[in-house]
Amino acid sequence: MKKFSMYSLSTCPWCKQAKQFFEEQDIPYSYIDYDLASVEEQQRISQEMSSFRIKGFPVIKVGEEAVVGYSLEKYSEMIKSASLKSSDSSE
């Protein structure tokens, strides 16, 4: 399965719930709490989010796909899609 990454805020309740969902589903992911990141990292994330016209947290990414906000339905679709794509590429 492809690796998921998340941009979040340490104080955001929706971000905490998103992290909990991925942990409960045993989905490997990495995250960066934007508000706790270095200035350089914040600038990089801001530029990336601007290029995709993303405003808000959490941001869940896998490959070129991104989901903004808390949506279990969208996360589940993303996980399923990532699983299918990774199994296709392993053949």
N, C-alpha and C. Protein backbone atom coordinates (compact mmCIF):
# COMPACT_ATOMS: atom_id res chain seq x y z
N MET A 1 0.84 -1.18 0.00
CA MET A 1 0.00 0.00 0.00
C MET A 1 0.88 1.24 0.00
N LYS A 2 0.44 2.23 -0.74
CA LYS A 2 1.19 3.48 -0.77
C LYS A 2 1.15 4.16 0.60
N LYS A 3 2.14 4.98 0.85
CA LYS A 3 2.26 5.68 2.13
C LYS A 3 1.37 6.93 2.14
N PHE A 4 0.61 7.07 3.19
CA PHE A 4 -0.23 8.24 3.38
C PHE A 4 0.53 9.26 4.20
N SER A 5 0.28 10.52 3.91
CA SER A 5 0.86 11.59 4.72
C SER A 5 -0.24 12.59 5.06
N MET A 6 -0.03 13.29 6.14
CA MET A 6 -1.05 14.20 6.65
C MET A 6 -0.40 15.50 7.11
N TYR A 7 -1.03 16.60 6.75
CA TYR A 7 -0.70 17.89 7.34
C TYR A 7 -1.84 18.20 8.30
N SER A 8 -1.47 18.56 9.51
CA SER A 8 -2.47 18.78 10.54
C SER A 8 -2.06 19.94 11.43
N LEU A 9 -2.93 20.26 12.36
CA LEU A 9 -2.64 21.23 13.40
C LEU A 9 -2.72 20.50 14.73
N SER A 10 -1.82 20.78 15.63
CA SER A 10 -1.80 20.06 16.91
C SER A 10 -3.04 20.33 17.75
N THR A 11 -3.71 21.44 17.52
CA THR A 11 -4.87 21.82 18.31
C THR A 11 -6.20 21.52 17.62
N CYS A 12 -6.16 20.94 16.44
CA CYS A 12 -7.36 20.72 15.62
C CYS A 12 -8.04 19.40 16.01
N PRO A 13 -9.28 19.46 16.51
CA PRO A 13 -9.96 18.21 16.88
C PRO A 13 -10.23 17.30 15.68
N TRP A 14 -10.50 17.87 14.50
CA TRP A 14 -10.73 17.05 13.31
C TRP A 14 -9.44 16.35 12.89
N CYS A 15 -8.32 17.03 13.05
CA CYS A 15 -7.03 16.42 12.72
C CYS A 15 -6.75 15.24 13.65
N LYS A 16 -7.06 15.40 14.92
CA LYS A 16 -6.86 14.31 15.88
C LYS A 16 -7.74 13.13 15.54
N GLN A 17 -8.98 13.39 15.11
CA GLN A 17 -9.87 12.30 14.74
C GLN A 17 -9.38 11.61 13.47
N ALA A 18 -8.83 12.37 12.53
CA ALA A 18 -8.29 11.77 11.30
C ALA A 18 -7.12 10.85 11.66
N LYS A 19 -6.22 11.31 12.52
CA LYS A 19 -5.10 10.47 12.94
C LYS A 19 -5.61 9.19 13.61
N GLN A 20 -6.61 9.35 14.47
CA GLN A 20 -7.17 8.19 15.17
C GLN A 20 -7.77 7.20 14.18
N PHE A 21 -8.47 7.69 13.16
CA PHE A 21 -9.05 6.81 12.14
C PHE A 21 -7.96 5.99 11.46
N PHE A 22 -6.87 6.63 11.02
CA PHE A 22 -5.81 5.91 10.33
C PHE A 22 -5.14 4.90 11.25
N GLU A 23 -4.98 5.26 12.52
CA GLU A 23 -4.39 4.32 13.49
C GLU A 23 -5.31 3.12 13.72
N GLU A 24 -6.60 3.38 13.88
CA GLU A 24 -7.56 2.29 14.11
C GLU A 24 -7.66 1.36 12.91
N GLN A 25 -7.45 1.89 11.71
CA GLN A 25 -7.51 1.08 10.49
C GLN A 25 -6.17 0.41 10.18
N ASP A 26 -5.17 0.64 11.02
CA ASP A 26 -3.81 0.11 10.81
C ASP A 26 -3.24 0.53 9.46
N ILE A 27 -3.50 1.80 9.09
CA ILE A 27 -2.99 2.36 7.85
C ILE A 27 -1.73 3.14 8.17
N PRO A 28 -0.59 2.76 7.61
CA PRO A 28 0.64 3.51 7.88
C PRO A 28 0.55 4.92 7.30
N TYR A 29 0.93 5.88 8.10
CA TYR A 29 0.92 7.26 7.65
C TYR A 29 1.97 8.05 8.42
N SER A 30 2.35 9.15 7.83
CA SER A 30 3.22 10.10 8.54
C SER A 30 2.45 11.41 8.63
N TYR A 31 2.84 12.25 9.56
CA TYR A 31 2.15 13.52 9.67
C TYR A 31 3.11 14.61 10.10
N ILE A 32 2.72 15.82 9.77
CA ILE A 32 3.44 17.01 10.23
C ILE A 32 2.39 17.94 10.82
N ASP A 33 2.58 18.30 12.08
CA ASP A 33 1.73 19.32 12.69
C ASP A 33 2.27 20.67 12.24
N TYR A 34 1.53 21.31 11.36
CA TYR A 34 1.96 22.57 10.74
C TYR A 34 2.37 23.59 11.79
N ASP A 35 1.57 23.74 12.83
CA ASP A 35 1.83 24.76 13.84
C ASP A 35 3.07 24.47 14.69
N LEU A 36 3.55 23.25 14.68
CA LEU A 36 4.75 22.89 15.44
C LEU A 36 5.98 22.74 14.56
N ALA A 37 5.79 22.87 13.26
CA ALA A 37 6.90 22.70 12.30
C ALA A 37 7.78 23.94 12.27
N SER A 38 8.98 23.77 11.74
CA SER A 38 9.90 24.90 11.58
C SER A 38 9.32 25.89 10.57
N VAL A 39 9.82 27.09 10.59
CA VAL A 39 9.37 28.12 9.65
C VAL A 39 9.58 27.65 8.22
N GLU A 40 10.72 27.03 7.95
CA GLU A 40 11.01 26.55 6.60
C GLU A 40 10.00 25.49 6.17
N GLU A 41 9.68 24.57 7.08
CA GLU A 41 8.71 23.51 6.77
C GLU A 41 7.32 24.12 6.57
N GLN A 42 6.95 25.09 7.38
CA GLN A 42 5.67 25.76 7.21
C GLN A 42 5.58 26.44 5.84
N GLN A 43 6.67 27.06 5.42
CA GLN A 43 6.68 27.72 4.12
C GLN A 43 6.52 26.69 2.99
N ARG A 44 7.21 25.57 3.10
CA ARG A 44 7.11 24.52 2.10
C ARG A 44 5.68 23.98 2.01
N ILE A 45 5.09 23.72 3.17
CA ILE A 45 3.72 23.20 3.20
C ILE A 45 2.74 24.24 2.64
N SER A 46 2.92 25.49 3.02
CA SER A 46 2.05 26.56 2.52
C SER A 46 2.12 26.66 1.00
N GLN A 47 3.32 26.57 0.46
CA GLN A 47 3.48 26.63 -1.00
C GLN A 47 2.79 25.44 -1.67
N GLU A 48 2.98 24.27 -1.10
CA GLU A 48 2.35 23.07 -1.66
C GLU A 48 0.83 23.18 -1.60
N MET A 49 0.31 23.62 -0.47
CA MET A 49 -1.14 23.75 -0.32
C MET A 49 -1.67 24.82 -1.27
N SER A 50 -0.96 25.90 -1.44
CA SER A 50 -1.39 26.97 -2.36
C SER A 50 -1.43 26.47 -3.79
N SER A 51 -0.44 25.67 -4.18
CA SER A 51 -0.39 25.19 -5.56
C SER A 51 -1.58 24.28 -5.88
N PHE A 52 -2.13 23.63 -4.86
CA PHE A 52 -3.30 22.78 -5.05
C PHE A 52 -4.59 23.48 -4.62
N ARG A 53 -4.47 24.76 -4.26
CA ARG A 53 -5.60 25.57 -3.80
C ARG A 53 -6.28 24.95 -2.58
N ILE A 54 -5.47 24.43 -1.69
CA ILE A 54 -5.95 23.81 -0.46
C ILE A 54 -5.92 24.85 0.65
N LYS A 55 -7.04 24.96 1.34
CA LYS A 55 -7.12 25.85 2.50
C LYS A 55 -7.83 25.09 3.60
N GLY A 56 -7.13 24.75 4.62
CA GLY A 56 -7.74 24.05 5.73
C GLY A 56 -6.98 22.78 6.10
N PHE A 57 -7.30 22.28 7.26
CA PHE A 57 -6.68 21.08 7.81
C PHE A 57 -7.78 20.16 8.31
N PRO A 58 -7.52 18.87 8.39
CA PRO A 58 -6.33 18.15 7.95
C PRO A 58 -6.29 18.00 6.44
N VAL A 59 -5.10 17.72 5.95
CA VAL A 59 -4.89 17.38 4.55
C VAL A 59 -4.27 15.98 4.54
N ILE A 60 -4.96 15.05 3.90
CA ILE A 60 -4.48 13.68 3.79
C ILE A 60 -4.04 13.48 2.35
N LYS A 61 -2.82 13.00 2.16
CA LYS A 61 -2.29 12.81 0.80
C LYS A 61 -1.80 11.38 0.62
N VAL A 62 -2.02 10.90 -0.61
CA VAL A 62 -1.39 9.66 -1.05
C VAL A 62 -1.16 9.84 -2.54
N GLY A 63 0.08 9.73 -2.95
CA GLY A 63 0.41 10.01 -4.35
C GLY A 63 0.02 11.44 -4.69
N GLU A 64 -0.72 11.60 -5.76
CA GLU A 64 -1.17 12.94 -6.18
C GLU A 64 -2.58 13.25 -5.70
N GLU A 65 -3.19 12.35 -4.94
CA GLU A 65 -4.52 12.57 -4.40
C GLU A 65 -4.44 13.26 -3.05
N ALA A 66 -5.44 14.10 -2.78
CA ALA A 66 -5.50 14.76 -1.48
C ALA A 66 -6.96 14.91 -1.06
N VAL A 67 -7.20 14.75 0.22
CA VAL A 67 -8.50 15.00 0.81
C VAL A 67 -8.29 16.08 1.86
N VAL A 68 -9.12 17.11 1.78
CA VAL A 68 -9.04 18.21 2.74
C VAL A 68 -10.23 18.10 3.68
N GLY A 69 -9.95 18.20 4.97
CA GLY A 69 -11.02 18.12 5.95
C GLY A 69 -11.20 16.70 6.45
N TYR A 70 -12.14 16.56 7.37
CA TYR A 70 -12.41 15.26 8.00
C TYR A 70 -13.58 14.60 7.29
N SER A 71 -13.31 13.49 6.62
CA SER A 71 -14.36 12.75 5.91
C SER A 71 -14.00 11.27 5.89
N LEU A 72 -14.62 10.50 6.77
CA LEU A 72 -14.34 9.07 6.80
C LEU A 72 -14.66 8.41 5.47
N GLU A 73 -15.71 8.86 4.82
CA GLU A 73 -16.09 8.29 3.53
C GLU A 73 -14.98 8.52 2.50
N LYS A 74 -14.48 9.74 2.42
CA LYS A 74 -13.42 10.05 1.46
C LYS A 74 -12.12 9.33 1.82
N TYR A 75 -11.82 9.22 3.12
CA TYR A 75 -10.62 8.49 3.54
C TYR A 75 -10.72 7.03 3.11
N SER A 76 -11.89 6.43 3.32
CA SER A 76 -12.09 5.02 2.96
C SER A 76 -11.92 4.81 1.46
N GLU A 77 -12.48 5.73 0.67
CA GLU A 77 -12.33 5.64 -0.78
C GLU A 77 -10.85 5.77 -1.18
N MET A 78 -10.15 6.67 -0.52
CA MET A 78 -8.73 6.90 -0.81
C MET A 78 -7.92 5.65 -0.47
N ILE A 79 -8.22 5.03 0.65
CA ILE A 79 -7.51 3.81 1.08
C ILE A 79 -7.76 2.69 0.08
N LYS A 80 -9.03 2.53 -0.31
CA LYS A 80 -9.37 1.48 -1.27
C LYS A 80 -8.66 1.72 -2.60
N SER A 81 -8.67 2.95 -3.06
CA SER A 81 -8.02 3.30 -4.32
C SER A 81 -6.51 3.06 -4.24
N ALA A 82 -5.90 3.44 -3.13
CA ALA A 82 -4.45 3.25 -2.96
C ALA A 82 -4.11 1.77 -2.91
N SER A 83 -4.97 0.96 -2.30
CA SER A 83 -4.73 -0.49 -2.23
C SER A 83 -4.81 -1.12 -3.61
N LEU A 84 -5.81 -0.68 -4.38
CA LEU A 84 -5.95 -1.22 -5.74
C LEU A 84 -4.77 -0.83 -6.62
N LYS A 85 -4.36 0.42 -6.53
CA LYS A 85 -3.25 0.88 -7.34
C LYS A 85 -1.94 0.19 -6.98
N SER A 86 -1.72 -0.03 -5.67
CA SER A 86 -0.46 -0.67 -5.29
C SER A 86 -0.47 -2.14 -5.67
N SER A 87 -1.63 -2.80 -5.65
CA SER A 87 -1.66 -4.21 -6.06
C SER A 87 -1.51 -4.32 -7.58
N ASP A 88 -2.02 -3.33 -8.32
CA ASP A 88 -1.83 -3.32 -9.78
C ASP A 88 -0.36 -3.15 -10.13
N SER A 89 0.33 -2.30 -9.41
CA SER A 89 1.74 -2.02 -9.75
C SER A 89 2.67 -3.13 -9.31
N SER A 90 2.21 -4.02 -8.42
CA SER A 90 3.07 -5.10 -7.94
C SER A 90 3.01 -6.32 -8.86
N GLU A 91 2.08 -6.31 -9.80
CA GLU A 91 1.98 -7.47 -10.71
C GLU A 91 2.97 -7.39 -11.82
